[in-house]
Amino acid sequence: MIQRVQTIWMILATIAIFLTLKFSFYSGTLIADNSFHSLLATDHFLLTVLTSAMGGGILINLFLYKHRTVQFRICIIAILLECLLLFIYYRQTLLYSKGTLDLWAIFHLVILISLIFAARAIYKDDKLIKDSNRLR
């Protein structure tokens, strides 16, 4: 299992996903009460649920190495969920009058890139297996 490149990419994505629960995405002044606040995934129920589900799904996906098509589909779903999470984060930043992205927002870029590379490696692996079966 560890020899496969997609395993490394999925482990990196899983670590980054669970780190986003702890570190903030955006910091600034809220419009509602004019106070300084940091936007965390644990501040909003939908962000917490989606982030946890995506992290658990990718962690389970690591052990589906014999089922490459299922593994590929789960990676594609995780990529779409990450795009949805980024959209929800963007919508939450509209509640701030002024602020900036935190350094930890880079984790979301790491997640997206890692999942794309994992899906690409799974696709190549599946194609290699199908081509070798065709030659037999």
C-alpha atoms as a PDB file:
ATOM      1  CA  MET A   1       0.000   0.000   0.000  1.00  0.00           C
ATOM      2  CA  ILE A   2       2.727   2.514   0.908  1.00  0.00           C
ATOM      3  CA  GLN A   3       4.556   1.945  -2.395  1.00  0.00           C
ATOM      4  CA  ARG A   4       1.782   3.635  -4.305  1.00  0.00           C
ATOM      5  CA  VAL A   5       2.218   7.364  -4.900  1.00  0.00           C
ATOM      6  CA  GLN A   6      -1.456   8.123  -4.334  1.00  0.00           C
ATOM      7  CA  THR A   7      -1.152   6.880  -0.759  1.00  0.00           C
ATOM      8  CA  ILE A   8       1.375   9.610  -0.012  1.00  0.00           C
ATOM      9  CA  TRP A   9      -0.847  12.252  -1.626  1.00  0.00           C
ATOM     10  CA  MET A  10      -3.914  11.097   0.301  1.00  0.00           C
ATOM     11  CA  ILE A  11      -2.004  11.035   3.608  1.00  0.00           C
ATOM     12  CA  LEU A  12      -0.839  14.603   2.946  1.00  0.00           C
ATOM     13  CA  ALA A  13      -4.407  15.670   2.109  1.00  0.00           C
ATOM     14  CA  THR A  14      -5.786  13.987   5.247  1.00  0.00           C
ATOM     15  CA  ILE A  15      -3.248  15.710   7.490  1.00  0.00           C
ATOM     16  CA  ALA A  16      -4.010  19.080   5.894  1.00  0.00           C
ATOM     17  CA  ILE A  17      -7.772  18.499   6.223  1.00  0.00           C
ATOM     18  CA  PHE A  18      -7.576  17.804   9.938  1.00  0.00           C
ATOM     19  CA  LEU A  19      -5.218  20.763  10.461  1.00  0.00           C
ATOM     20  CA  THR A  20      -7.841  23.086   8.972  1.00  0.00           C
ATOM     21  CA  LEU A  21     -10.060  22.245  11.939  1.00  0.00           C
ATOM     22  CA  LYS A  22      -7.486  23.794  14.282  1.00  0.00           C
ATOM     23  CA  PHE A  23      -6.110  26.753  12.315  1.00  0.00           C
ATOM     24  CA  SER A  24      -8.001  29.807  11.059  1.00  0.00           C
ATOM     25  CA  PHE A  25      -8.780  30.621   7.440  1.00  0.00           C
ATOM     26  CA  TYR A  26      -9.524  34.337   7.699  1.00  0.00           C
ATOM     27  CA  SER A  27      -9.122  37.033  10.352  1.00  0.00           C
ATOM     28  CA  GLY A  28     -10.739  40.409  10.483  1.00  0.00           C
ATOM     29  CA  THR A  29     -13.356  42.725  11.919  1.00  0.00           C
ATOM     30  CA  LEU A  30     -16.924  41.434  11.962  1.00  0.00           C
ATOM     31  CA  ILE A  31     -19.613  43.735  10.579  1.00  0.00           C
ATOM     32  CA  ALA A  32     -22.203  42.729  13.202  1.00  0.00           C
ATOM     33  CA  ASP A  33     -20.399  43.673  16.411  1.00  0.00           C
ATOM     34  CA  ASN A  34     -17.220  45.392  15.140  1.00  0.00           C
ATOM     35  CA  SER A  35     -14.919  42.961  16.946  1.00  0.00           C
ATOM     36  CA  PHE A  36     -11.840  41.106  15.764  1.00  0.00           C
ATOM     37  CA  HIS A  37     -12.538  37.464  14.966  1.00  0.00           C
ATOM     38  CA  SER A  38     -10.780  34.548  13.297  1.00  0.00           C
ATOM     39  CA  LEU A  39     -12.789  32.266  11.008  1.00  0.00           C
ATOM     40  CA  LEU A  40     -12.286  28.616  11.980  1.00  0.00           C
ATOM     41  CA  ALA A  41     -13.920  25.502  10.544  1.00  0.00           C
ATOM     42  CA  THR A  42     -15.198  24.705  14.032  1.00  0.00           C
ATOM     43  CA  ASP A  43     -17.096  28.012  14.247  1.00  0.00           C
ATOM     44  CA  HIS A  44     -19.792  26.877  11.821  1.00  0.00           C
ATOM     45  CA  PHE A  45     -21.664  23.602  11.882  1.00  0.00           C
ATOM     46  CA  LEU A  46     -21.656  23.017   8.108  1.00  0.00           C
ATOM     47  CA  LEU A  47     -17.928  23.682   7.813  1.00  0.00           C
ATOM     48  CA  THR A  48     -17.186  21.322  10.706  1.00  0.00           C
ATOM     49  CA  VAL A  49     -19.339  18.515   9.330  1.00  0.00           C
ATOM     50  CA  LEU A  50     -18.043  18.785   5.757  1.00  0.00           C
ATOM     51  CA  THR A  51     -14.423  19.030   6.840  1.00  0.00           C
ATOM     52  CA  SER A  52     -14.684  16.077   9.204  1.00  0.00           C
ATOM     53  CA  ALA A  53     -16.565  13.969   6.644  1.00  0.00           C
ATOM     54  CA  MET A  54     -14.011  14.728   3.965  1.00  0.00           C
ATOM     55  CA  GLY A  55     -11.108  13.898   6.291  1.00  0.00           C
ATOM     56  CA  GLY A  56     -12.711  10.638   7.377  1.00  0.00           C
ATOM     57  CA  GLY A  57     -13.591   9.737   3.800  1.00  0.00           C
ATOM     58  CA  ILE A  58     -10.055  10.237   2.555  1.00  0.00           C
ATOM     59  CA  LEU A  59      -8.687   8.307   5.532  1.00  0.00           C
ATOM     60  CA  ILE A  60     -10.977   5.372   4.706  1.00  0.00           C
ATOM     61  CA  ASN A  61     -10.084   5.784   1.033  1.00  0.00           C
ATOM     62  CA  LEU A  62      -6.474   4.937   1.885  1.00  0.00           C
ATOM     63  CA  PHE A  63      -7.472   1.363   2.640  1.00  0.00           C
ATOM     64  CA  LEU A  64      -9.492   0.831  -0.546  1.00  0.00           C
ATOM     65  CA  TYR A  65      -6.352   0.206  -2.603  1.00  0.00           C
ATOM     66  CA  LYS A  66      -7.799  -2.952  -4.194  1.00  0.00           C
ATOM     67  CA  HIS A  67     -10.823  -1.045  -5.482  1.00  0.00           C
ATOM     68  CA  ARG A  68      -9.271   1.606  -7.706  1.00  0.00           C
ATOM     69  CA  THR A  69     -12.484   2.785  -9.375  1.00  0.00           C
ATOM     70  CA  VAL A  70     -14.155   3.401  -5.999  1.00  0.00           C
ATOM     71  CA  GLN A  71     -10.993   5.090  -4.765  1.00  0.00           C
ATOM     72  CA  PHE A  72     -10.941   7.339  -7.843  1.00  0.00           C
ATOM     73  CA  ARG A  73     -14.611   8.292  -7.398  1.00  0.00           C
ATOM     74  CA  ILE A  74     -14.084   9.139  -3.735  1.00  0.00           C
ATOM     75  CA  CYS A  75     -11.136  11.367  -4.703  1.00  0.00           C
ATOM     76  CA  ILE A  76     -13.275  13.194  -7.269  1.00  0.00           C
ATOM     77  CA  ILE A  77     -16.057  13.654  -4.692  1.00  0.00           C
ATOM     78  CA  ALA A  78     -13.487  14.976  -2.196  1.00  0.00           C
ATOM     79  CA  ILE A  79     -12.221  17.477  -4.783  1.00  0.00           C
ATOM     80  CA  LEU A  80     -15.781  18.708  -5.319  1.00  0.00           C
ATOM     81  CA  LEU A  81     -16.345  18.905  -1.540  1.00  0.00           C
ATOM     82  CA  GLU A  82     -13.162  20.953  -1.156  1.00  0.00           C
ATOM     83  CA  CYS A  83     -14.429  23.375  -3.807  1.00  0.00           C
ATOM     84  CA  LEU A  84     -17.729  23.588  -1.894  1.00  0.00           C
ATOM     85  CA  LEU A  85     -15.820  24.252   1.342  1.00  0.00           C
ATOM     86  CA  LEU A  86     -13.857  27.060  -0.305  1.00  0.00           C
ATOM     87  CA  PHE A  87     -17.123  28.586  -1.533  1.00  0.00           C
ATOM     88  CA  ILE A  88     -18.614  28.402   1.985  1.00  0.00           C
ATOM     89  CA  TYR A  89     -15.476  30.002   3.436  1.00  0.00           C
ATOM     90  CA  TYR A  90     -15.744  32.773   0.844  1.00  0.00           C
ATOM     91  CA  ARG A  91     -19.382  33.364   1.787  1.00  0.00           C
ATOM     92  CA  GLN A  92     -18.386  33.574   5.462  1.00  0.00           C
ATOM     93  CA  THR A  93     -15.687  36.162   4.694  1.00  0.00           C
ATOM     94  CA  LEU A  94     -18.412  38.481   3.389  1.00  0.00           C
ATOM     95  CA  LEU A  95     -19.520  38.887   7.033  1.00  0.00           C
ATOM     96  CA  TYR A  96     -16.285  40.791   7.749  1.00  0.00           C
ATOM     97  CA  SER A  97     -15.850  44.508   7.083  1.00  0.00           C
ATOM     98  CA  LYS A  98     -12.100  44.173   6.661  1.00  0.00           C
ATOM     99  CA  GLY A  99      -9.570  41.441   7.141  1.00  0.00           C
ATOM    100  CA  THR A 100      -7.050  39.188   5.473  1.00  0.00           C
ATOM    101  CA  LEU A 101      -6.528  35.560   4.664  1.00  0.00           C
ATOM    102  CA  ASP A 102      -4.426  33.816   7.261  1.00  0.00           C
ATOM    103  CA  LEU A 103      -1.269  31.894   6.451  1.00  0.00           C
ATOM    104  CA  TRP A 104      -3.125  28.677   7.270  1.00  0.00           C
ATOM    105  CA  ALA A 105      -5.491  29.165   4.328  1.00  0.00           C
ATOM    106  CA  ILE A 106      -2.709  27.572   2.283  1.00  0.00           C
ATOM    107  CA  PHE A 107      -3.847  24.208   3.705  1.00  0.00           C
ATOM    108  CA  HIS A 108      -6.860  24.333   1.405  1.00  0.00           C
ATOM    109  CA  LEU A 109      -4.608  24.739  -1.608  1.00  0.00           C
ATOM    110  CA  VAL A 110      -2.492  21.811  -0.380  1.00  0.00           C
ATOM    111  CA  ILE A 111      -5.643  19.690  -0.004  1.00  0.00           C
ATOM    112  CA  LEU A 112      -6.861  20.499  -3.491  1.00  0.00           C
ATOM    113  CA  ILE A 113      -3.508  19.860  -5.162  1.00  0.00           C
ATOM    114  CA  SER A 114      -2.917  16.650  -3.189  1.00  0.00           C
ATOM    115  CA  LEU A 115      -6.317  15.263  -4.113  1.00  0.00           C
ATOM    116  CA  ILE A 116      -5.832  16.113  -7.784  1.00  0.00           C
ATOM    117  CA  PHE A 117      -2.440  14.386  -7.801  1.00  0.00           C
ATOM    118  CA  ALA A 118      -3.886  11.371  -5.956  1.00  0.00           C
ATOM    119  CA  ALA A 119      -6.750  11.070  -8.459  1.00  0.00           C
ATOM    120  CA  ARG A 120      -4.281  11.334 -11.325  1.00  0.00           C
ATOM    121  CA  ALA A 121      -2.073   8.605  -9.829  1.00  0.00           C
ATOM    122  CA  ILE A 122      -5.078   6.334  -9.213  1.00  0.00           C
ATOM    123  CA  TYR A 123      -6.192   6.818 -12.822  1.00  0.00           C
ATOM    124  CA  LYS A 124      -2.702   5.983 -14.124  1.00  0.00           C
ATOM    125  CA  ASP A 125      -2.521   2.928 -11.857  1.00  0.00           C
ATOM    126  CA  ASP A 126      -5.904   1.688 -13.049  1.00  0.00           C
ATOM    127  CA  LYS A 127      -4.946   2.251 -16.671  1.00  0.00           C
ATOM    128  CA  LEU A 128      -1.676   0.326 -16.174  1.00  0.00           C
ATOM    129  CA  ILE A 129      -3.528  -2.625 -14.622  1.00  0.00           C
ATOM    130  CA  LYS A 130      -6.103  -2.680 -17.438  1.00  0.00           C
ATOM    131  CA  ASP A 131      -3.375  -2.530 -20.099  1.00  0.00           C
ATOM    132  CA  SER A 132      -1.411  -5.363 -18.463  1.00  0.00           C
ATOM    133  CA  ASN A 133      -4.581  -7.496 -18.235  1.00  0.00           C
ATOM    134  CA  ARG A 134      -5.294  -6.839 -21.894  1.00  0.00           C
ATOM    135  CA  LEU A 135      -1.848  -8.109 -22.889  1.00  0.00           C
ATOM    136  CA  ARG A 136      -2.301 -11.462 -21.139  1.00  0.00           C
END
